[in-house]
Protein backbone atom coordinates (compact mmCIF):
# COMPACT_ATOMS: atom_id res chain seq x y z
CA MET A 1 -7.74 14.71 -6.45
CA SER A 2 -4.37 13.01 -6.76
CA GLU A 3 -3.74 13.74 -3.08
CA GLU A 4 -6.24 11.00 -2.25
CA LYS A 5 -3.99 8.39 -3.87
CA SER A 6 -0.95 9.26 -1.79
CA CYS A 7 -2.71 10.02 1.51
CA CYS A 8 -0.92 7.20 3.30
CA CYS A 9 1.60 6.06 0.67
CA GLN A 10 5.24 6.42 1.70
CA LYS A 11 6.49 6.15 -1.92
CA PRO A 12 3.88 7.95 -4.10
CA GLU A 13 6.30 8.11 -7.05
CA ILE A 14 6.06 4.30 -7.36
CA LEU A 15 2.32 4.05 -6.64
CA LYS A 16 0.27 3.09 -9.72
CA GLY A 17 -3.17 2.87 -8.11
CA THR A 18 -3.98 2.69 -4.44
CA PRO A 19 -1.74 1.23 -1.71
CA GLU A 20 -4.29 -1.56 -1.20
CA LYS A 21 -3.65 -2.75 -4.77
CA CYS A 22 0.15 -2.92 -4.54
CA SER A 23 1.61 -6.29 -5.48
CA SER A 24 3.99 -8.07 -3.13
CA GLU A 25 6.74 -7.21 -5.61
CA THR A 26 5.95 -3.50 -5.39
CA ILE A 27 5.76 -3.65 -1.59
CA LYS A 28 9.19 -5.30 -1.50
CA GLN A 29 10.59 -2.63 -3.86
CA CYS A 30 9.27 0.16 -1.63
CA HIS A 31 9.73 -1.27 1.83
CA GLY A 32 12.20 -4.14 1.60
CA ASP A 33 11.38 -7.15 3.76
CA GLU A 34 8.62 -5.50 5.80
CA PRO A 35 6.31 -8.24 7.17
CA SER A 36 3.24 -6.14 6.30
CA HIS A 37 2.41 -3.22 4.00
CA PRO A 38 2.89 -0.04 6.08
CA CYS A 39 0.99 2.14 3.57
CA VAL A 40 -2.32 0.34 4.15
CA PRO A 41 -4.25 1.22 7.33
CA GLU A 42 -4.92 -1.77 9.61
CA ASP A 43 -8.71 -1.61 9.15
CA GLN A 44 -8.35 -1.86 5.35
CA LYS A 45 -5.92 -4.79 5.60
CA ALA A 46 -8.36 -6.75 7.74
CA SER A 47 -11.33 -6.19 5.43
CA GLY A 48 -9.32 -7.18 2.36
CA GLU A 49 -8.05 -10.43 3.87
CA LYS A 50 -11.50 -11.72 4.82
CA GLU A 51 -12.67 -12.23 1.24
């Protein structure tokens, strides 16, 4: 089920886990100076930031 990993990832060749687990360094490598991580759905971003 490798499709699950890249369901919303724009750069699956760089992805090492899930988009939610990307480091800021990896996000910058993939997306440049994007203010947020476009591969992570908004609802998952919000739940991850609360903890």
